[in-house]
Amino acid sequence: MSKKKLAIIGIVLLMLFFISPIGIAFSRYVTQNIRNYIMEANNFFFNSDKLAYGGTTYGINNWGGVGAIEIQFQLNNHKNNILTSDADIVYSLTTTCDTTSVNCTLNANSGVIQRAEKTDNLTLTVNPRRVFNDNESTSVTVTATSSSPYVKTLSATFVITVGTRGINYEITDSVGSAYMVFKITNAQDTYKVITPFGNHTAGEVLTTSEYLALSSADKANCASALVTLTFDPSEVILDTTSDIMKTATYTTTRYNNIDYISTITFKVDVMTSMDIRFYKKDSTENYTYPFVTNTPIVSFSAI
């Protein structure tokens, strides 16, 4: 085959590639990166800790489906500690969500990142407008667009799923911290029968007034939420001075010839929050959940 024919075949294959879905996506990717490179070459940096150029998606599986969930994020004007934009950045923000299911609002719809300030802190608040059940999801997209001195768009889609209805949890941590905090919030205002007694069956729901009318012995058979945390003591160790130890049940695992708690079950009262401290074996880790880690270092379940 002649070189001319090979050249023609090569050109045809390239044309077919660039008009294919993969080729179109590749061309878009290349164009975006070239455009971003040009902007950064002119000392323009418009970035975020969660939103991304070209978009990104997060899965959030710790929502209780009752009450608001808040997502904090930042917009900034720097690439690192040295490279910072030469000018103030004017930007606007929008949200997209299923308004029949949730209200999604931001604490600001526009702003200016001052050259000296470097960072704007923002909050997305999502409130349910209907009843959400376990494993139901809703999606919210946040878009930030700079208008001066250059146009650049950052976005993120948050897919928010109900894990256990009425109960939210999260892990807060940072690199260098000796411990992390597992926070649980119970937004339920009812109790469930855990162990049958009298005329009450397991799983039966009681109002707060019905629960308060019970004897102390019968109350012990009920819980608004019965939470179980499971973890590996070779990675994190439960702070056993916590108040939950007074009534909790637990199992242990032997590690380095010492018995450490590895599973703990305890009650969380109605409309309350609690913080549980875990000491980290490796302080250089950041176990923040969600966003930093996709899977919590401490597994959560509740009834």
C-alpha atoms as a PDB file:
ATOM      1  CA  MET A   1       0.000   0.000   0.000  1.00  0.00           C
ATOM      2  CA  SER A   2       1.351   3.400  -1.010  1.00  0.00           C
ATOM      3  CA  LYS A   3       2.202   6.138   1.482  1.00  0.00           C
ATOM      4  CA  LYS A   4      -0.522   8.330  -0.066  1.00  0.00           C
ATOM      5  CA  LYS A   5      -3.201   5.725   0.625  1.00  0.00           C
ATOM      6  CA  LEU A   6      -1.917   5.238   4.186  1.00  0.00           C
ATOM      7  CA  ALA A   7      -2.099   9.010   4.742  1.00  0.00           C
ATOM      8  CA  ILE A   8      -5.685   9.123   3.439  1.00  0.00           C
ATOM      9  CA  ILE A   9      -6.705   6.209   5.683  1.00  0.00           C
ATOM     10  CA  GLY A  10      -5.050   7.935   8.646  1.00  0.00           C
ATOM     11  CA  ILE A  11      -6.924  11.187   7.984  1.00  0.00           C
ATOM     12  CA  VAL A  12     -10.241   9.335   7.644  1.00  0.00           C
ATOM     13  CA  LEU A  13      -9.659   7.467  10.912  1.00  0.00           C
ATOM     14  CA  LEU A  14      -8.827  10.715  12.700  1.00  0.00           C
ATOM     15  CA  MET A  15     -11.995  12.337  11.335  1.00  0.00           C
ATOM     16  CA  LEU A  16     -14.077   9.373  12.458  1.00  0.00           C
ATOM     17  CA  PHE A  17     -12.481   9.538  15.907  1.00  0.00           C
ATOM     18  CA  PHE A  18     -13.176  13.237  16.412  1.00  0.00           C
ATOM     19  CA  ILE A  19     -16.841  12.959  15.372  1.00  0.00           C
ATOM     20  CA  SER A  20     -17.402   9.931  17.628  1.00  0.00           C
ATOM     21  CA  PRO A  21     -18.738  10.406  21.206  1.00  0.00           C
ATOM     22  CA  ILE A  22     -15.305   9.522  22.597  1.00  0.00           C
ATOM     23  CA  GLY A  23     -13.618  11.951  20.231  1.00  0.00           C
ATOM     24  CA  ILE A  24     -16.034  14.743  21.078  1.00  0.00           C
ATOM     25  CA  ALA A  25     -15.457  14.185  24.798  1.00  0.00           C
ATOM     26  CA  PHE A  26     -11.701  14.103  24.264  1.00  0.00           C
ATOM     27  CA  SER A  27     -11.811  17.327  22.227  1.00  0.00           C
ATOM     28  CA  ARG A  28     -13.856  19.024  24.936  1.00  0.00           C
ATOM     29  CA  TYR A  29     -11.386  17.849  27.574  1.00  0.00           C
ATOM     30  CA  VAL A  30      -8.405  19.157  25.592  1.00  0.00           C
ATOM     31  CA  THR A  31     -10.140  22.483  24.889  1.00  0.00           C
ATOM     32  CA  GLN A  32     -11.023  22.975  28.577  1.00  0.00           C
ATOM     33  CA  ASN A  33      -7.493  22.253  29.713  1.00  0.00           C
ATOM     34  CA  ILE A  34      -5.939  24.561  27.111  1.00  0.00           C
ATOM     35  CA  ARG A  35      -8.333  27.332  28.104  1.00  0.00           C
ATOM     36  CA  ASN A  36      -7.565  26.790  31.797  1.00  0.00           C
ATOM     37  CA  TYR A  37      -3.834  26.840  31.077  1.00  0.00           C
ATOM     38  CA  ILE A  38      -4.160  30.178  29.259  1.00  0.00           C
ATOM     39  CA  MET A  39      -6.097  31.699  32.177  1.00  0.00           C
ATOM     40  CA  GLU A  40      -3.552  30.465  34.720  1.00  0.00           C
ATOM     41  CA  ALA A  41      -0.714  31.756  32.546  1.00  0.00           C
ATOM     42  CA  ASN A  42      -2.321  35.182  33.013  1.00  0.00           C
ATOM     43  CA  ASN A  43      -2.371  34.725  36.807  1.00  0.00           C
ATOM     44  CA  PHE A  44      -6.104  33.980  36.983  1.00  0.00           C
ATOM     45  CA  PHE A  45      -7.009  31.276  39.475  1.00  0.00           C
ATOM     46  CA  PHE A  46     -10.630  30.497  40.311  1.00  0.00           C
ATOM     47  CA  ASN A  47     -10.895  27.246  42.248  1.00  0.00           C
ATOM     48  CA  SER A  48     -12.834  25.465  44.968  1.00  0.00           C
ATOM     49  CA  ASP A  49     -12.352  22.774  47.588  1.00  0.00           C
ATOM     50  CA  LYS A  50     -15.423  20.894  46.259  1.00  0.00           C
ATOM     51  CA  LEU A  51     -16.554  22.407  42.945  1.00  0.00           C
ATOM     52  CA  ALA A  52     -14.466  21.535  39.908  1.00  0.00           C
ATOM     53  CA  TYR A  53     -13.732  22.864  36.423  1.00  0.00           C
ATOM     54  CA  GLY A  54     -15.661  20.495  34.155  1.00  0.00           C
ATOM     55  CA  GLY A  55     -17.836  19.334  37.070  1.00  0.00           C
ATOM     56  CA  THR A  56     -17.624  16.583  39.665  1.00  0.00           C
ATOM     57  CA  THR A  57     -20.044  14.395  41.637  1.00  0.00           C
ATOM     58  CA  TYR A  58     -20.204  13.475  45.326  1.00  0.00           C
ATOM     59  CA  GLY A  59     -22.230  10.740  46.990  1.00  0.00           C
ATOM     60  CA  ILE A  60     -23.570  11.608  50.446  1.00  0.00           C
ATOM     61  CA  ASN A  61     -25.148   8.651  52.226  1.00  0.00           C
ATOM     62  CA  ASN A  62     -25.470   9.910  55.794  1.00  0.00           C
ATOM     63  CA  TRP A  63     -28.612  12.087  55.552  1.00  0.00           C
ATOM     64  CA  GLY A  64     -31.578  11.288  57.775  1.00  0.00           C
ATOM     65  CA  GLY A  65     -34.127  12.762  55.344  1.00  0.00           C
ATOM     66  CA  VAL A  66     -35.629  14.830  58.178  1.00  0.00           C
ATOM     67  CA  GLY A  67     -34.509  18.421  58.617  1.00  0.00           C
ATOM     68  CA  ALA A  68     -31.819  20.280  56.734  1.00  0.00           C
ATOM     69  CA  ILE A  69     -28.481  19.037  55.543  1.00  0.00           C
ATOM     70  CA  GLU A  70     -25.749  21.652  55.155  1.00  0.00           C
ATOM     71  CA  ILE A  71     -22.759  21.391  52.849  1.00  0.00           C
ATOM     72  CA  GLN A  72     -19.905  23.843  53.332  1.00  0.00           C
ATOM     73  CA  PHE A  73     -17.608  24.699  50.443  1.00  0.00           C
ATOM     74  CA  GLN A  74     -15.075  27.332  49.473  1.00  0.00           C
ATOM     75  CA  LEU A  75     -14.260  29.420  46.420  1.00  0.00           C
ATOM     76  CA  ASN A  76     -10.729  30.763  46.209  1.00  0.00           C
ATOM     77  CA  ASN A  77      -8.383  32.763  43.997  1.00  0.00           C
ATOM     78  CA  HIS A  78      -5.192  30.753  44.325  1.00  0.00           C
ATOM     79  CA  LYS A  79      -3.528  27.658  42.907  1.00  0.00           C
ATOM     80  CA  ASN A  80      -1.267  27.095  45.904  1.00  0.00           C
ATOM     81  CA  ASN A  81       0.326  29.078  48.732  1.00  0.00           C
ATOM     82  CA  ILE A  82       2.446  31.036  46.260  1.00  0.00           C
ATOM     83  CA  LEU A  83       0.367  31.547  43.097  1.00  0.00           C
ATOM     84  CA  THR A  84      -2.579  33.926  43.591  1.00  0.00           C
ATOM     85  CA  SER A  85      -4.769  35.846  41.140  1.00  0.00           C
ATOM     86  CA  ASP A  86      -3.623  39.362  40.292  1.00  0.00           C
ATOM     87  CA  ALA A  87      -7.125  40.837  40.503  1.00  0.00           C
ATOM     88  CA  ASP A  88     -10.369  40.559  42.471  1.00  0.00           C
ATOM     89  CA  ILE A  89     -12.711  37.866  41.096  1.00  0.00           C
ATOM     90  CA  VAL A  90     -16.412  38.606  40.610  1.00  0.00           C
ATOM     91  CA  TYR A  91     -18.601  35.496  40.593  1.00  0.00           C
ATOM     92  CA  SER A  92     -22.213  34.316  40.715  1.00  0.00           C
ATOM     93  CA  LEU A  93     -23.751  31.107  42.101  1.00  0.00           C
ATOM     94  CA  THR A  94     -26.770  29.031  41.083  1.00  0.00           C
ATOM     95  CA  THR A  95     -28.370  25.813  42.327  1.00  0.00           C
ATOM     96  CA  THR A  96     -30.372  23.197  40.456  1.00  0.00           C
ATOM     97  CA  CYS A  97     -32.544  20.683  42.320  1.00  0.00           C
ATOM     98  CA  ASP A  98     -35.910  18.926  42.283  1.00  0.00           C
ATOM     99  CA  THR A  99     -37.983  21.694  43.865  1.00  0.00           C
ATOM    100  CA  THR A 100     -40.952  19.345  44.359  1.00  0.00           C
ATOM    101  CA  SER A 101     -38.816  17.325  46.785  1.00  0.00           C
ATOM    102  CA  VAL A 102     -36.393  19.795  48.357  1.00  0.00           C
ATOM    103  CA  ASN A 103     -35.604  23.452  48.828  1.00  0.00           C
ATOM    104  CA  CYS A 104     -31.966  24.217  48.047  1.00  0.00           C
ATOM    105  CA  THR A 105     -30.527  27.574  49.037  1.00  0.00           C
ATOM    106  CA  LEU A 106     -27.136  29.242  49.315  1.00  0.00           C
ATOM    107  CA  ASN A 107     -26.052  31.780  51.900  1.00  0.00           C
ATOM    108  CA  ALA A 108     -24.951  33.995  48.979  1.00  0.00           C
ATOM    109  CA  ASN A 109     -25.797  34.067  45.273  1.00  0.00           C
ATOM    110  CA  SER A 110     -22.855  36.224  44.226  1.00  0.00           C
ATOM    111  CA  GLY A 111     -19.691  37.690  45.595  1.00  0.00           C
ATOM    112  CA  VAL A 112     -16.225  39.073  45.058  1.00  0.00           C
ATOM    113  CA  ILE A 113     -13.102  37.242  46.134  1.00  0.00           C
ATOM    114  CA  GLN A 114     -10.823  40.057  47.152  1.00  0.00           C
ATOM    115  CA  ARG A 115      -7.241  39.631  46.059  1.00  0.00           C
ATOM    116  CA  ALA A 116      -6.023  39.856  49.643  1.00  0.00           C
ATOM    117  CA  GLU A 117      -8.742  37.662  51.186  1.00  0.00           C
ATOM    118  CA  LYS A 118      -8.157  34.667  48.863  1.00  0.00           C
ATOM    119  CA  THR A 119     -11.148  32.572  50.038  1.00  0.00           C
ATOM    120  CA  ASP A 120     -14.944  32.884  50.324  1.00  0.00           C
ATOM    121  CA  ASN A 121     -16.759  30.406  52.608  1.00  0.00           C
ATOM    122  CA  LEU A 122     -20.208  29.330  51.430  1.00  0.00           C
ATOM    123  CA  THR A 123     -22.997  27.029  52.606  1.00  0.00           C
ATOM    124  CA  LEU A 124     -25.533  25.009  50.634  1.00  0.00           C
ATOM    125  CA  THR A 125     -28.644  24.154  52.663  1.00  0.00           C
ATOM    126  CA  VAL A 126     -31.038  21.427  51.503  1.00  0.00           C
ATOM    127  CA  ASN A 127     -34.430  21.065  53.212  1.00  0.00           C
ATOM    128  CA  PRO A 128     -36.919  18.280  52.431  1.00  0.00           C
ATOM    129  CA  ARG A 129     -40.364  19.252  51.126  1.00  0.00           C
ATOM    130  CA  ARG A 130     -41.776  15.731  51.340  1.00  0.00           C
ATOM    131  CA  VAL A 131     -41.245  12.501  53.268  1.00  0.00           C
ATOM    132  CA  PHE A 132     -38.023  10.706  52.332  1.00  0.00           C
ATOM    133  CA  ASN A 133     -37.627   7.030  53.157  1.00  0.00           C
ATOM    134  CA  ASP A 134     -34.509   4.906  53.602  1.00  0.00           C
ATOM    135  CA  ASN A 135     -32.343   4.692  50.447  1.00  0.00           C
ATOM    136  CA  GLU A 136     -34.205   7.507  48.623  1.00  0.00           C
ATOM    137  CA  SER A 137     -31.997  10.104  46.939  1.00  0.00           C
ATOM    138  CA  THR A 138     -32.129  13.640  45.637  1.00  0.00           C
ATOM    139  CA  SER A 139     -29.530  15.527  43.594  1.00  0.00           C
ATOM    140  CA  VAL A 140     -28.418  19.135  43.930  1.00  0.00           C
ATOM    141  CA  THR A 141     -26.011  20.859  41.537  1.00  0.00           C
ATOM    142  CA  VAL A 142     -24.126  23.999  42.519  1.00  0.00           C
ATOM    143  CA  THR A 143     -22.549  26.120  39.786  1.00  0.00           C
ATOM    144  CA  ALA A 144     -20.137  29.001  40.335  1.00  0.00           C
ATOM    145  CA  THR A 145     -19.243  31.243  37.390  1.00  0.00           C
ATOM    146  CA  SER A 146     -16.674  34.016  37.432  1.00  0.00           C
ATOM    147  CA  SER A 147     -17.444  37.048  35.247  1.00  0.00           C
ATOM    148  CA  SER A 148     -14.362  39.183  35.822  1.00  0.00           C
ATOM    149  CA  PRO A 149     -11.557  39.326  34.887  1.00  0.00           C
ATOM    150  CA  TYR A 150     -12.181  36.014  33.034  1.00  0.00           C
ATOM    151  CA  VAL A 151     -15.154  33.687  32.659  1.00  0.00           C
ATOM    152  CA  LYS A 152     -14.692  30.277  34.259  1.00  0.00           C
ATOM    153  CA  THR A 153     -17.313  27.816  35.519  1.00  0.00           C
ATOM    154  CA  LEU A 154     -16.974  25.391  38.431  1.00  0.00           C
ATOM    155  CA  SER A 155     -19.667  22.929  39.439  1.00  0.00           C
ATOM    156  CA  ALA A 156     -20.480  19.937  41.611  1.00  0.00           C
ATOM    157  CA  THR A 157     -23.457  17.618  41.898  1.00  0.00           C
ATOM    158  CA  PHE A 158     -24.292  16.269  45.342  1.00  0.00           C
ATOM    159  CA  VAL A 159     -26.292  13.031  45.294  1.00  0.00           C
ATOM    160  CA  ILE A 160     -27.825  12.964  48.771  1.00  0.00           C
ATOM    161  CA  THR A 161     -29.192   9.623  49.973  1.00  0.00           C
ATOM    162  CA  VAL A 162     -31.129   8.757  53.110  1.00  0.00           C
ATOM    163  CA  GLY A 163     -29.222   6.127  55.083  1.00  0.00           C
ATOM    164  CA  THR A 164     -31.470   5.751  58.130  1.00  0.00           C
ATOM    165  CA  ARG A 165     -34.502   8.017  58.190  1.00  0.00           C
ATOM    166  CA  GLY A 166     -34.372  10.585  60.960  1.00  0.00           C
ATOM    167  CA  ILE A 167     -30.698  10.127  61.816  1.00  0.00           C
ATOM    168  CA  ASN A 168     -27.755  12.109  60.437  1.00  0.00           C
ATOM    169  CA  TYR A 169     -24.119  11.371  61.125  1.00  0.00           C
ATOM    170  CA  GLU A 170     -20.740  12.723  60.081  1.00  0.00           C
ATOM    171  CA  ILE A 171     -17.056  12.457  60.936  1.00  0.00           C
ATOM    172  CA  THR A 172     -14.999  15.605  61.438  1.00  0.00           C
ATOM    173  CA  ASP A 173     -11.235  15.312  61.334  1.00  0.00           C
ATOM    174  CA  SER A 174      -8.071  16.968  60.043  1.00  0.00           C
ATOM    175  CA  VAL A 175      -4.507  16.021  59.270  1.00  0.00           C
ATOM    176  CA  GLY A 176      -2.393  16.338  62.404  1.00  0.00           C
ATOM    177  CA  SER A 177      -5.282  15.861  64.825  1.00  0.00           C
ATOM    178  CA  ALA A 178      -4.831  13.133  67.442  1.00  0.00           C
ATOM    179  CA  TYR A 179      -8.531  12.284  67.337  1.00  0.00           C
ATOM    180  CA  MET A 180     -11.626  12.489  65.151  1.00  0.00           C
ATOM    181  CA  VAL A 181     -15.233  13.140  66.193  1.00  0.00           C
ATOM    182  CA  PHE A 182     -18.193  11.009  65.141  1.00  0.00           C
ATOM    183  CA  LYS A 183     -21.310  13.197  65.413  1.00  0.00           C
ATOM    184  CA  ILE A 184     -24.821  11.725  65.497  1.00  0.00           C
ATOM    185  CA  THR A 185     -28.038  13.764  65.317  1.00  0.00           C
ATOM    186  CA  ASN A 186     -31.388  12.111  65.991  1.00  0.00           C
ATOM    187  CA  ALA A 187     -34.218  14.238  64.557  1.00  0.00           C
ATOM    188  CA  GLN A 188     -36.925  11.695  65.388  1.00  0.00           C
ATOM    189  CA  ASP A 189     -39.612  12.542  67.939  1.00  0.00           C
ATOM    190  CA  THR A 190     -40.858   8.988  68.460  1.00  0.00           C
ATOM    191  CA  TYR A 191     -39.696   5.777  70.152  1.00  0.00           C
ATOM    192  CA  LYS A 192     -39.663   2.166  68.974  1.00  0.00           C
ATOM    193  CA  VAL A 193     -40.204  -0.983  70.982  1.00  0.00           C
ATOM    194  CA  ILE A 194     -36.954  -2.958  70.819  1.00  0.00           C
ATOM    195  CA  THR A 195     -37.881  -5.817  73.162  1.00  0.00           C
ATOM    196  CA  PRO A 196     -41.577  -6.867  73.371  1.00  0.00           C
ATOM    197  CA  PHE A 197     -43.350  -6.227  76.675  1.00  0.00           C
ATOM    198  CA  GLY A 198     -46.964  -6.291  77.838  1.00  0.00           C
ATOM    199  CA  ASN A 199     -49.213  -5.701  74.825  1.00  0.00           C
ATOM    200  CA  HIS A 200     -46.433  -4.015  72.824  1.00  0.00           C
ATOM    201  CA  THR A 201     -44.646  -5.776  69.964  1.00  0.00           C
ATOM    202  CA  ALA A 202     -41.122  -5.289  68.602  1.00  0.00           C
ATOM    203  CA  GLY A 203     -40.942  -2.446  66.086  1.00  0.00           C
ATOM    204  CA  GLU A 204     -44.070  -0.727  67.383  1.00  0.00           C
ATOM    205  CA  VAL A 205     -43.804   3.059  67.294  1.00  0.00           C
ATOM    206  CA  LEU A 206     -44.688   5.053  70.398  1.00  0.00           C
ATOM    207  CA  THR A 207     -45.240   8.770  70.702  1.00  0.00           C
ATOM    208  CA  THR A 208     -43.168  10.681  73.226  1.00  0.00           C
ATOM    209  CA  SER A 209     -46.142  10.995  75.582  1.00  0.00           C
ATOM    210  CA  GLU A 210     -46.814   7.235  75.354  1.00  0.00           C
ATOM    211  CA  TYR A 211     -43.176   6.520  76.119  1.00  0.00           C
ATOM    212  CA  LEU A 212     -43.077   8.892  79.092  1.00  0.00           C
ATOM    213  CA  ALA A 213     -46.120   7.162  80.584  1.00  0.00           C
ATOM    214  CA  LEU A 214     -44.273   3.830  80.749  1.00  0.00           C
ATOM    215  CA  SER A 215     -42.555   2.467  83.835  1.00  0.00           C
ATOM    216  CA  SER A 216     -38.757   2.631  84.045  1.00  0.00           C
ATOM    217  CA  ALA A 217     -38.577  -1.113  83.371  1.00  0.00           C
ATOM    218  CA  ASP A 218     -40.695  -0.791  80.226  1.00  0.00           C
ATOM    219  CA  LYS A 219     -38.793   2.277  79.007  1.00  0.00           C
ATOM    220  CA  ALA A 220     -35.655   0.140  79.032  1.00  0.00           C
ATOM    221  CA  ASN A 221     -37.277  -1.968  76.284  1.00  0.00           C
ATOM    222  CA  CYS A 222     -37.641   1.061  73.974  1.00  0.00           C
ATOM    223  CA  ALA A 223     -35.372   3.458  72.109  1.00  0.00           C
ATOM    224  CA  SER A 224     -35.793   6.401  69.805  1.00  0.00           C
ATOM    225  CA  ALA A 225     -32.688   5.179  67.975  1.00  0.00           C
ATOM    226  CA  LEU A 226     -30.503   2.190  68.712  1.00  0.00           C
ATOM    227  CA  VAL A 227     -27.136   2.861  67.087  1.00  0.00           C
ATOM    228  CA  THR A 228     -24.310   0.427  66.411  1.00  0.00           C
ATOM    229  CA  LEU A 229     -20.790   1.584  65.501  1.00  0.00           C
ATOM    230  CA  THR A 230     -18.210  -0.880  64.182  1.00  0.00           C
ATOM    231  CA  PHE A 231     -14.527  -0.070  63.740  1.00  0.00           C
ATOM    232  CA  ASP A 232     -11.019  -1.508  63.617  1.00  0.00           C
ATOM    233  CA  PRO A 233      -9.026  -0.727  66.803  1.00  0.00           C
ATOM    234  CA  SER A 234      -5.809  -1.004  64.824  1.00  0.00           C
ATOM    235  CA  GLU A 235      -6.919   2.260  63.118  1.00  0.00           C
ATOM    236  CA  VAL A 236      -9.084   4.124  65.640  1.00  0.00           C
ATOM    237  CA  ILE A 237      -9.716   3.634  69.362  1.00  0.00           C
ATOM    238  CA  LEU A 238     -12.933   4.647  71.122  1.00  0.00           C
ATOM    239  CA  ASP A 239     -12.662   7.206  73.920  1.00  0.00           C
ATOM    240  CA  THR A 240     -14.006   5.073  76.768  1.00  0.00           C
ATOM    241  CA  THR A 241     -14.600   8.111  78.999  1.00  0.00           C
ATOM    242  CA  SER A 242     -17.642   8.910  76.819  1.00  0.00           C
ATOM    243  CA  ASP A 243     -21.047   8.978  78.549  1.00  0.00           C
ATOM    244  CA  ILE A 244     -22.340   6.318  76.140  1.00  0.00           C
ATOM    245  CA  MET A 245     -20.249   3.723  78.012  1.00  0.00           C
ATOM    246  CA  LYS A 246     -22.643   3.931  80.986  1.00  0.00           C
ATOM    247  CA  THR A 247     -25.432   2.049  79.190  1.00  0.00           C
ATOM    248  CA  ALA A 248     -23.831   0.677  76.015  1.00  0.00           C
ATOM    249  CA  THR A 249     -23.160  -2.928  75.109  1.00  0.00           C
ATOM    250  CA  TYR A 250     -20.015  -3.786  73.211  1.00  0.00           C
ATOM    251  CA  THR A 251     -17.714  -6.472  71.883  1.00  0.00           C
ATOM    252  CA  THR A 252     -13.933  -6.437  71.862  1.00  0.00           C
ATOM    253  CA  THR A 253     -11.100  -7.412  69.540  1.00  0.00           C
ATOM    254  CA  ARG A 254      -7.637  -8.393  70.688  1.00  0.00           C
ATOM    255  CA  TYR A 255      -4.916  -6.178  69.246  1.00  0.00           C
ATOM    256  CA  ASN A 256      -1.277  -6.182  70.404  1.00  0.00           C
ATOM    257  CA  ASN A 257      -2.328  -8.485  73.276  1.00  0.00           C
ATOM    258  CA  ILE A 258      -4.871  -5.921  74.519  1.00  0.00           C
ATOM    259  CA  ASP A 259      -8.667  -6.158  74.260  1.00  0.00           C
ATOM    260  CA  TYR A 260     -10.101  -3.075  72.537  1.00  0.00           C
ATOM    261  CA  ILE A 261     -13.743  -2.253  71.836  1.00  0.00           C
ATOM    262  CA  SER A 262     -14.532  -2.897  68.159  1.00  0.00           C
ATOM    263  CA  THR A 263     -18.357  -2.742  68.166  1.00  0.00           C
ATOM    264  CA  ILE A 264     -20.575  -0.667  70.429  1.00  0.00           C
ATOM    265  CA  THR A 265     -24.370  -0.330  70.588  1.00  0.00           C
ATOM    266  CA  PHE A 266     -26.156   2.451  72.461  1.00  0.00           C
ATOM    267  CA  LYS A 267     -29.363   4.483  72.549  1.00  0.00           C
ATOM    268  CA  VAL A 268     -29.769   8.039  71.243  1.00  0.00           C
ATOM    269  CA  ASP A 269     -32.683   9.966  72.724  1.00  0.00           C
ATOM    270  CA  VAL A 270     -35.245  11.946  70.706  1.00  0.00           C
ATOM    271  CA  MET A 271     -34.170  15.269  69.177  1.00  0.00           C
ATOM    272  CA  THR A 272     -30.611  15.093  70.480  1.00  0.00           C
ATOM    273  CA  SER A 273     -27.057  15.155  69.163  1.00  0.00           C
ATOM    274  CA  MET A 274     -23.923  13.556  70.541  1.00  0.00           C
ATOM    275  CA  ASP A 275     -20.223  13.711  69.742  1.00  0.00           C
ATOM    276  CA  ILE A 276     -18.121  10.583  70.160  1.00  0.00           C
ATOM    277  CA  ARG A 277     -14.353  10.858  70.136  1.00  0.00           C
ATOM    278  CA  PHE A 278     -12.045   8.312  68.540  1.00  0.00           C
ATOM    279  CA  TYR A 279      -8.266   8.474  68.874  1.00  0.00           C
ATOM    280  CA  LYS A 280      -6.346   7.854  65.658  1.00  0.00           C
ATOM    281  CA  LYS A 281      -3.404   5.490  65.343  1.00  0.00           C
ATOM    282  CA  ASP A 282      -2.073   7.649  62.498  1.00  0.00           C
ATOM    283  CA  SER A 283      -2.471  11.402  62.986  1.00  0.00           C
ATOM    284  CA  THR A 284      -1.455  12.079  59.363  1.00  0.00           C
ATOM    285  CA  GLU A 285      -4.762  10.590  58.199  1.00  0.00           C
ATOM    286  CA  ASN A 286      -7.897  12.651  57.616  1.00  0.00           C
ATOM    287  CA  TYR A 287     -11.021  10.546  58.167  1.00  0.00           C
ATOM    288  CA  THR A 288     -13.561  13.315  57.498  1.00  0.00           C
ATOM    289  CA  TYR A 289     -16.775  11.840  56.096  1.00  0.00           C
ATOM    290  CA  PRO A 290     -18.295  12.609  53.695  1.00  0.00           C
ATOM    291  CA  PHE A 291     -16.124  14.371  51.028  1.00  0.00           C
ATOM    292  CA  VAL A 292     -12.614  13.461  52.184  1.00  0.00           C
ATOM    293  CA  THR A 293     -13.269   9.710  52.422  1.00  0.00           C
ATOM    294  CA  ASN A 294     -15.865   7.787  50.415  1.00  0.00           C
ATOM    295  CA  THR A 295     -16.361   5.166  53.120  1.00  0.00           C
ATOM    296  CA  PRO A 296     -16.482   6.072  56.835  1.00  0.00           C
ATOM    297  CA  ILE A 297     -13.689   4.626  58.964  1.00  0.00           C
ATOM    298  CA  VAL A 298     -16.414   3.838  61.517  1.00  0.00           C
ATOM    299  CA  SER A 299     -19.408   1.918  60.134  1.00  0.00           C
ATOM    300  CA  PHE A 300     -22.858   3.119  61.236  1.00  0.00           C
ATOM    301  CA  SER A 301     -26.175   1.296  61.518  1.00  0.00           C
ATOM    302  CA  ALA A 302     -29.351   2.117  63.434  1.00  0.00           C
ATOM    303  CA  ILE A 303     -32.875   0.878  64.126  1.00  0.00           C
END
